[in-house]
Amino acid sequence: MLNTLFFCPAIATLPQLPPQESQHCVKVLRMREGDKLTVTDGQGFLYECTLMEAHPKHCIVSIEHRTEMAKNRDFLLQIGFAPTKQMDRNEWFVEKAVEIGIDRFTPLLSCYSERKELKKERLEKIAVSAMKQSQQAFLPIIDELTRFSDFITRPFEGRKFIAHCHNLPKKPLAQTYRKGENVLILIGPEGDFGEEEVGSAIANGFESVSLGETRLRTETACLVATHTIHVLNNQ
């Protein structure tokens, strides 16, 4: 794989880089016709290409070879989180989680949420950048902001956990999760999930867990949960 990875979701049917990728290719990297480049569609495929037309708004490429990449893990990881009021904190979490490895983000609207609206386009751009930076071929899914009460009733094939600070029976995530399991973890807002929300989640099959002895910020808790799952799967 070459050092620079480009993203083009429609590369298989339209071998033309999007405007932002084209500008980076021509204006920043100063690539020219005949140069080789690697493109991913974010769906697990890498395309070895030749640059046919170096235009800052629409680079045309010729696909020379396609490779299907295997995922570097055998488990699915999804984090449902209540976005913080400061958007840069949400972006930080998404960036780092993509670099570590995650399959899906679901922003949640809970009773104590600080942020009531969320434009996911910015998070998607952060995810694309992190995918390319970490040389991956799979782009995680980012859902629309979803009501907590609606989300917890949706089916999920795997273990389901809810991390909270209420005085209820719970186990450390590191002691209850088992290697290789698909996992969905819910992380609340700065004010935590409401007790009724925790009770509803448990009634819908979620298990209560803790992430340590200290109270963590939302984005920190999200990253700790993500990293913990990877550490346990690499033992």
Protein backbone atom coordinates (compact mmCIF):
# COMPACT_ATOMS: atom_id res chain seq x y z
CA MET A 1 0.00 0.00 0.00
CA LEU A 2 1.24 3.48 -0.77
CA ASN A 3 1.68 6.02 2.03
CA THR A 4 -1.22 8.23 0.91
CA LEU A 5 -4.67 6.66 0.79
CA PHE A 6 -7.53 8.33 -1.08
CA PHE A 7 -11.26 7.85 -0.46
CA CYS A 8 -13.83 7.49 -3.21
CA PRO A 9 -17.00 5.56 -2.28
CA ALA A 10 -18.09 5.19 -5.92
CA ILE A 11 -14.67 4.26 -7.33
CA ALA A 12 -15.91 0.90 -8.73
CA THR A 13 -18.44 2.54 -11.05
CA LEU A 14 -17.09 6.09 -11.34
CA PRO A 15 -13.26 6.18 -11.30
CA GLN A 16 -13.08 9.87 -10.45
CA LEU A 17 -11.89 11.30 -7.16
CA PRO A 18 -14.28 13.63 -5.29
CA PRO A 19 -13.38 17.36 -5.32
CA GLN A 20 -11.71 17.41 -1.90
CA GLU A 21 -9.62 14.35 -2.67
CA SER A 22 -8.75 15.72 -6.11
CA GLN A 23 -7.56 18.99 -4.62
CA HIS A 24 -5.39 17.15 -2.12
CA CYS A 25 -3.98 14.98 -4.88
CA VAL A 26 -3.08 17.84 -7.24
CA LYS A 27 -2.57 20.92 -5.05
CA VAL A 28 -1.04 19.37 -1.93
CA LEU A 29 0.74 16.24 -3.15
CA ARG A 30 1.36 17.69 -6.62
CA MET A 31 0.68 14.40 -8.34
CA ARG A 32 0.75 14.23 -12.14
CA GLU A 33 -0.64 12.08 -14.92
CA GLY A 34 0.94 8.64 -14.79
CA ASP A 35 1.49 8.65 -11.03
CA LYS A 36 0.28 5.65 -9.02
CA LEU A 37 -2.18 6.01 -6.15
CA THR A 38 -4.24 3.82 -3.83
CA VAL A 39 -7.95 4.42 -3.33
CA THR A 40 -10.42 2.83 -0.92
CA ASP A 41 -14.20 2.75 -1.18
CA GLY A 42 -14.56 2.43 2.59
CA GLN A 43 -16.27 -0.95 2.11
CA GLY A 44 -13.17 -3.09 2.45
CA PHE A 45 -11.63 -2.76 -1.02
CA LEU A 46 -8.37 -1.14 -2.11
CA TYR A 47 -7.87 -0.02 -5.71
CA GLU A 48 -4.42 0.41 -7.18
CA CYS A 49 -4.83 3.15 -9.77
CA THR A 50 -2.99 5.29 -12.28
CA LEU A 51 -3.75 9.00 -12.45
CA MET A 52 -5.03 9.72 -15.96
CA GLU A 53 -6.17 13.35 -15.59
CA ALA A 54 -4.77 15.53 -12.81
CA HIS A 55 -7.50 18.12 -12.26
CA PRO A 56 -7.93 19.88 -8.87
CA LYS A 57 -11.69 19.28 -8.91
CA HIS A 58 -12.05 15.91 -10.63
CA CYS A 59 -9.07 13.63 -10.96
CA ILE A 60 -9.69 10.78 -13.39
CA VAL A 61 -8.02 7.47 -12.55
CA SER A 62 -7.62 4.10 -14.22
CA ILE A 63 -8.11 1.07 -11.99
CA GLU A 64 -5.26 -1.41 -12.38
CA HIS A 65 -6.01 -3.83 -9.57
CA ARG A 66 -8.60 -4.35 -6.83
CA THR A 67 -7.87 -6.08 -3.52
CA GLU A 68 -10.45 -7.14 -0.95
CA MET A 69 -9.07 -6.51 2.53
CA ALA A 70 -9.92 -8.73 5.48
CA LYS A 71 -10.93 -6.98 8.69
CA ASN A 72 -8.20 -7.10 11.30
CA ARG A 73 -10.68 -8.22 13.97
CA ASP A 74 -13.36 -10.88 14.30
CA PHE A 75 -15.79 -8.92 16.48
CA LEU A 76 -18.16 -6.02 15.89
CA LEU A 77 -17.91 -2.91 18.06
CA GLN A 78 -20.63 -0.28 18.29
CA ILE A 79 -20.68 2.70 20.66
CA GLY A 80 -23.90 4.55 21.45
CA PHE A 81 -23.04 7.89 23.06
CA ALA A 82 -24.71 11.13 24.09
CA PRO A 83 -22.74 13.84 22.23
CA THR A 84 -21.15 16.54 24.34
CA LYS A 85 -22.04 20.21 23.99
CA GLN A 86 -18.54 21.00 22.71
CA MET A 87 -18.40 19.56 19.20
CA ASP A 88 -14.62 19.27 19.22
CA ARG A 89 -14.85 16.65 21.97
CA ASN A 90 -17.16 14.51 19.84
CA GLU A 91 -14.80 14.90 16.89
CA TRP A 92 -11.84 13.89 19.05
CA PHE A 93 -13.56 10.68 20.13
CA VAL A 94 -14.63 9.76 16.59
CA GLU A 95 -11.13 10.36 15.25
CA LYS A 96 -9.40 8.25 17.89
CA ALA A 97 -11.98 5.45 17.84
CA VAL A 98 -11.69 5.09 14.06
CA GLU A 99 -7.90 4.87 14.36
CA ILE A 100 -8.22 2.15 17.02
CA GLY A 101 -11.00 0.31 15.19
CA ILE A 102 -14.79 0.61 15.45
CA ASP A 103 -17.72 -0.41 13.27
CA ARG A 104 -20.53 1.95 14.20
CA PHE A 105 -21.28 5.15 16.11
CA THR A 106 -24.80 5.96 17.29
CA PRO A 107 -25.28 9.46 18.77
CA LEU A 108 -28.01 9.31 21.44
CA LEU A 109 -30.52 11.82 22.73
CA SER A 110 -31.05 11.05 26.42
CA CYS A 111 -32.96 12.92 29.11
CA TYR A 112 -29.85 14.81 30.27
CA SER A 113 -28.23 15.37 26.88
CA GLU A 114 -26.40 18.67 26.51
CA ARG A 115 -26.61 18.58 22.72
CA LYS A 116 -30.10 18.28 21.24
CA GLU A 117 -29.08 18.50 17.58
CA LEU A 118 -26.21 17.01 15.64
CA LYS A 119 -25.10 17.38 12.04
CA LYS A 120 -23.30 14.15 11.34
CA GLU A 121 -21.58 15.41 8.17
CA ARG A 122 -18.69 16.87 10.18
CA LEU A 123 -18.22 13.61 12.08
CA GLU A 124 -18.25 11.70 8.79
CA LYS A 125 -15.42 13.91 7.46
CA ILE A 126 -13.44 13.26 10.64
CA ALA A 127 -14.03 9.52 10.25
CA VAL A 128 -12.86 9.54 6.62
CA SER A 129 -9.70 11.44 7.55
CA ALA A 130 -8.96 9.03 10.42
CA MET A 131 -9.59 6.00 8.20
CA LYS A 132 -7.09 7.28 5.64
CA GLN A 133 -4.57 8.29 8.29
CA SER A 134 -4.64 4.82 9.85
CA GLN A 135 -4.49 3.11 6.43
CA GLN A 136 -7.78 1.25 6.79
CA ALA A 137 -10.26 0.18 4.12
CA PHE A 138 -13.43 0.12 6.22
CA LEU A 139 -15.32 3.32 7.03
CA PRO A 140 -17.46 3.05 10.18
CA ILE A 141 -21.17 3.88 10.03
CA ILE A 142 -22.30 7.07 11.78
CA ASP A 143 -26.01 7.12 12.56
CA GLU A 144 -28.30 10.11 12.89
CA LEU A 145 -29.02 11.39 16.40
CA THR A 146 -31.39 8.79 17.87
CA ARG A 147 -33.68 8.91 20.89
CA PHE A 148 -32.38 6.70 23.68
CA SER A 149 -35.83 5.17 24.26
CA ASP A 150 -36.08 4.15 20.61
CA PHE A 151 -32.56 2.83 20.33
CA ILE A 152 -32.53 0.44 23.29
CA THR A 153 -35.40 -1.59 21.79
CA ARG A 154 -33.54 -2.30 18.56
CA PRO A 155 -32.12 -5.81 18.07
CA PHE A 156 -28.38 -6.38 18.33
CA GLU A 157 -26.58 -9.68 17.82
CA GLY A 158 -24.09 -9.65 20.68
CA ARG A 159 -23.52 -8.41 24.23
CA LYS A 160 -25.12 -5.11 25.21
CA PHE A 161 -23.71 -2.95 27.99
CA ILE A 162 -24.63 0.36 29.57
CA ALA A 163 -21.96 2.25 31.51
CA HIS A 164 -23.27 4.52 34.26
CA CYS A 165 -22.42 5.96 37.68
CA HIS A 166 -25.63 5.14 39.57
CA ASN A 167 -25.51 3.07 42.74
CA LEU A 168 -26.75 -0.08 41.06
CA PRO A 169 -25.14 -3.53 40.77
CA LYS A 170 -22.56 -3.54 37.99
CA LYS A 171 -19.33 -5.22 36.98
CA PRO A 172 -16.19 -3.78 35.38
CA LEU A 173 -16.41 -4.02 31.61
CA ALA A 174 -13.00 -5.70 31.51
CA GLN A 175 -14.25 -8.52 33.74
CA THR A 176 -17.56 -9.31 32.06
CA TYR A 177 -16.86 -8.97 28.32
CA ARG A 178 -15.52 -12.12 26.64
CA LYS A 179 -13.04 -12.13 23.78
CA GLY A 180 -14.58 -12.38 20.30
CA GLU A 181 -18.07 -11.22 21.24
CA ASN A 182 -19.90 -8.58 19.22
CA VAL A 183 -20.50 -5.70 21.59
CA LEU A 184 -22.63 -2.57 21.92
CA ILE A 185 -21.75 -0.12 24.70
CA LEU A 186 -23.84 2.89 25.76
CA ILE A 187 -22.13 5.97 27.21
CA GLY A 188 -24.19 8.77 28.73
CA PRO A 189 -23.89 12.57 28.77
CA GLU A 190 -21.92 14.58 31.35
CA GLY A 191 -24.88 14.31 33.74
CA ASP A 192 -25.08 10.53 33.18
CA PHE A 193 -28.12 8.59 32.03
CA GLY A 194 -31.26 8.98 34.12
CA GLU A 195 -32.06 6.13 36.52
CA GLU A 196 -35.21 5.36 34.57
CA GLU A 197 -33.16 5.17 31.38
CA VAL A 198 -30.75 2.72 32.97
CA GLY A 199 -33.67 0.64 34.21
CA SER A 200 -35.26 0.62 30.76
CA ALA A 201 -31.98 -0.42 29.16
CA ILE A 202 -31.56 -3.28 31.61
CA ALA A 203 -35.14 -4.38 30.91
CA ASN A 204 -34.16 -4.52 27.23
CA GLY A 205 -31.17 -6.79 27.75
CA PHE A 206 -28.38 -4.34 28.56
CA GLU A 207 -25.91 -5.20 31.33
CA SER A 208 -24.64 -2.58 33.77
CA VAL A 209 -20.88 -2.01 33.71
CA SER A 210 -18.30 0.38 35.09
CA LEU A 211 -15.23 1.71 33.30
CA GLY A 212 -13.05 2.34 36.35
CA GLU A 213 -12.94 3.95 39.75
CA THR A 214 -12.95 7.58 38.58
CA ARG A 215 -15.69 9.63 36.97
CA LEU A 216 -14.84 10.15 33.31
CA ARG A 217 -15.91 12.75 30.77
CA THR A 218 -18.19 11.40 28.08
CA GLU A 219 -15.59 11.36 25.32
CA THR A 220 -13.00 9.83 27.65
CA ALA A 221 -15.42 7.08 28.71
CA CYS A 222 -16.19 6.35 25.05
CA LEU A 223 -12.52 5.95 24.19
CA VAL A 224 -11.79 3.88 27.32
CA ALA A 225 -14.62 1.50 26.35
CA THR A 226 -13.32 1.24 22.80
CA HIS A 227 -9.75 0.60 23.89
CA THR A 228 -10.77 -1.90 26.59
CA ILE A 229 -12.57 -4.08 24.03
CA HIS A 230 -9.50 -4.08 21.78
CA VAL A 231 -7.12 -4.89 24.64
CA LEU A 232 -9.28 -7.83 25.73
CA ASN A 233 -9.43 -9.14 22.17
CA ASN A 234 -5.66 -8.95 21.76
CA GLN A 235 -4.80 -10.98 24.84
